Every structure is written in C-alpha cells, then in structure tokens.
Amino acid sequence: MKKNQKLINALFEKFSIISKKRKQKLIFLIFPQRNDILNKNDQYHNFFENLKKKYDIIDFTKYFIDENINKLYLEPEYGSHLTNYGNKLVAKIILKKLKKNYDRLV
C-alpha cells in the first residue's frame, strides 16, 4: 500500500475511533479531483471501494462521472473547486442520502 493510502487509512481509523467514543455518526465525503474523473483512475476508485467495506462513505465519483466536467469544476487553474452547479449537485445527493437513512431509522 502506498504511503498516501496508509495515511488516509490511519486518518479514517482515528476519526472513526473518536466519533464512536462521542457516539456520533460519521460519514466520509469523497470528492474526486478533476483529473480523477478525466483519467478514470481505477486505483483511486478501488481504494475507496475497499474503504466502503469498513466506513460509511459517500464517494461523489460515481455521481460526477456522467456529468459535464466543465459544469462541475471551476477552471483548472483553481484546482478542483466545484462550481455553483457542482455544489448544488453535492447538496442534493447528501440530502437524498440523509433522508433515506432518516426514513430507515424512524
């Protein structure tokens, strides 16, 4: 496993331990970078798919993959920051997921 993957695993584990002690519900939100979408990076995808087995994760890659990349992200020189459209899409997905989980708990 690469150094950065080990670091992410360690961070996820640390956050998980802290949230369990506090009796908090923890959901990790994974935002792919523009290049992860353009290059369809399988290693990136597989890494987070494996993490989903242990942690509650919303990986936006699967939602972004079929979207127009230029509508989702600001110009490349601004990194992987989302546009208004991208942020609205994220909010819609999170609300849908939270509602689904809430309905199941009530």
Protein backbone atom coordinates (compact mmCIF):
# COMPACT_ATOMS: atom_id res chain seq x y z
CA MET A 1 0.00 0.00 0.00
CA LYS A 2 1.29 3.45 -0.89
CA LYS A 3 2.20 6.00 1.79
CA ASN A 4 -0.73 8.26 0.99
CA GLN A 5 -3.16 5.33 1.18
CA LYS A 6 -1.72 4.32 4.55
CA LEU A 7 -2.15 7.87 5.76
CA ILE A 8 -5.78 8.02 4.61
CA ASN A 9 -6.47 4.66 6.29
CA ALA A 10 -4.91 5.91 9.52
CA LEU A 11 -6.91 9.15 9.41
CA PHE A 12 -10.17 7.32 8.76
CA GLU A 13 -9.46 4.96 11.64
CA LYS A 14 -8.60 7.83 14.01
CA PHE A 15 -11.76 9.76 13.11
CA SER A 16 -13.80 6.57 13.48
CA ILE A 17 -12.45 5.90 16.97
CA ILE A 18 -13.11 9.47 18.09
CA SER A 19 -16.66 9.50 16.68
CA LYS A 20 -17.52 6.17 18.34
CA LYS A 21 -16.33 7.47 21.71
CA ARG A 22 -18.55 10.53 21.24
CA LYS A 23 -21.46 8.37 19.96
CA GLN A 24 -21.51 10.34 16.74
CA LYS A 25 -22.49 9.16 13.27
CA LEU A 26 -19.54 9.56 10.91
CA ILE A 27 -19.90 9.80 7.13
CA PHE A 28 -16.85 10.43 4.96
CA LEU A 29 -17.43 12.51 1.84
CA ILE A 30 -15.03 11.76 -1.00
CA PHE A 31 -14.65 14.44 -3.64
CA PRO A 32 -12.68 13.36 -6.70
CA GLN A 33 -10.35 15.82 -8.31
CA ARG A 34 -10.93 16.85 -11.89
CA ASN A 35 -8.13 14.52 -13.06
CA ASP A 36 -9.63 11.55 -11.22
CA ILE A 37 -12.75 11.99 -13.34
CA LEU A 38 -10.96 12.71 -16.62
CA ASN A 39 -8.49 9.83 -16.25
CA LYS A 40 -10.98 7.35 -14.77
CA ASN A 41 -8.34 6.31 -12.27
CA ASP A 42 -9.14 2.68 -11.32
CA GLN A 43 -6.63 2.62 -8.48
CA TYR A 44 -8.34 5.62 -6.91
CA HIS A 45 -11.76 4.03 -7.37
CA ASN A 46 -10.71 0.64 -6.00
CA PHE A 47 -9.06 2.20 -2.95
CA PHE A 48 -12.26 3.96 -1.88
CA GLU A 49 -14.44 0.97 -2.78
CA ASN A 50 -12.39 -1.08 -0.30
CA LEU A 51 -12.77 1.61 2.37
CA LYS A 52 -16.57 1.46 1.91
CA LYS A 53 -16.47 -2.04 3.40
CA LYS A 54 -15.37 -0.58 6.72
CA TYR A 55 -16.67 3.01 6.77
CA ASP A 56 -19.78 4.91 5.77
CA ILE A 57 -18.66 6.81 2.68
CA ILE A 58 -20.32 8.92 0.02
CA ASP A 59 -17.98 8.87 -2.96
CA PHE A 60 -19.08 11.55 -5.39
CA THR A 61 -17.04 9.99 -8.19
CA LYS A 62 -19.93 7.81 -9.29
CA TYR A 63 -22.22 10.86 -9.44
CA PHE A 64 -19.71 13.10 -11.20
CA ILE A 65 -18.55 10.59 -13.81
CA ASP A 66 -21.53 11.15 -16.13
CA GLU A 67 -21.67 14.93 -15.63
CA ASN A 68 -20.11 17.60 -17.80
CA ILE A 69 -16.74 18.16 -16.11
CA ASN A 70 -16.78 21.87 -17.02
CA LYS A 71 -20.15 22.34 -15.30
CA LEU A 72 -18.87 20.65 -12.12
CA TYR A 73 -15.48 22.25 -11.60
CA LEU A 74 -14.11 25.77 -11.85
CA GLU A 75 -11.36 26.39 -14.36
CA PRO A 76 -8.36 24.03 -13.88
CA GLU A 77 -6.10 26.77 -12.56
CA TYR A 78 -8.35 26.95 -9.47
CA GLY A 79 -7.75 23.29 -8.64
CA SER A 80 -10.70 21.02 -8.08
CA HIS A 81 -13.11 23.52 -6.58
CA LEU A 82 -16.73 22.97 -7.51
CA THR A 83 -18.93 25.43 -9.37
CA ASN A 84 -22.35 26.51 -8.08
CA TYR A 85 -23.82 23.67 -10.13
CA GLY A 86 -21.36 21.17 -8.61
CA ASN A 87 -22.15 22.34 -5.08
CA LYS A 88 -25.91 22.10 -5.71
CA LEU A 89 -25.46 18.56 -7.03
CA VAL A 90 -23.49 17.61 -3.90
CA ALA A 91 -26.16 19.12 -1.62
CA LYS A 92 -28.90 17.24 -3.47
CA ILE A 93 -27.04 13.92 -3.12
CA ILE A 94 -26.33 14.46 0.60
CA LEU A 95 -29.96 15.39 1.31
CA LYS A 96 -31.18 12.32 -0.56
CA LYS A 97 -28.79 10.05 1.39
CA LEU A 98 -29.70 11.61 4.74
CA LYS A 99 -33.42 11.34 4.01
CA LYS A 100 -33.03 7.69 3.06
CA ASN A 101 -31.15 6.97 6.30
CA TYR A 102 -33.62 9.01 8.37
CA ASP A 103 -36.64 7.20 6.92
CA ARG A 104 -35.00 3.88 7.74
CA LEU A 105 -34.37 4.92 11.36
CA VAL A 106 -37.85 6.32 12.08
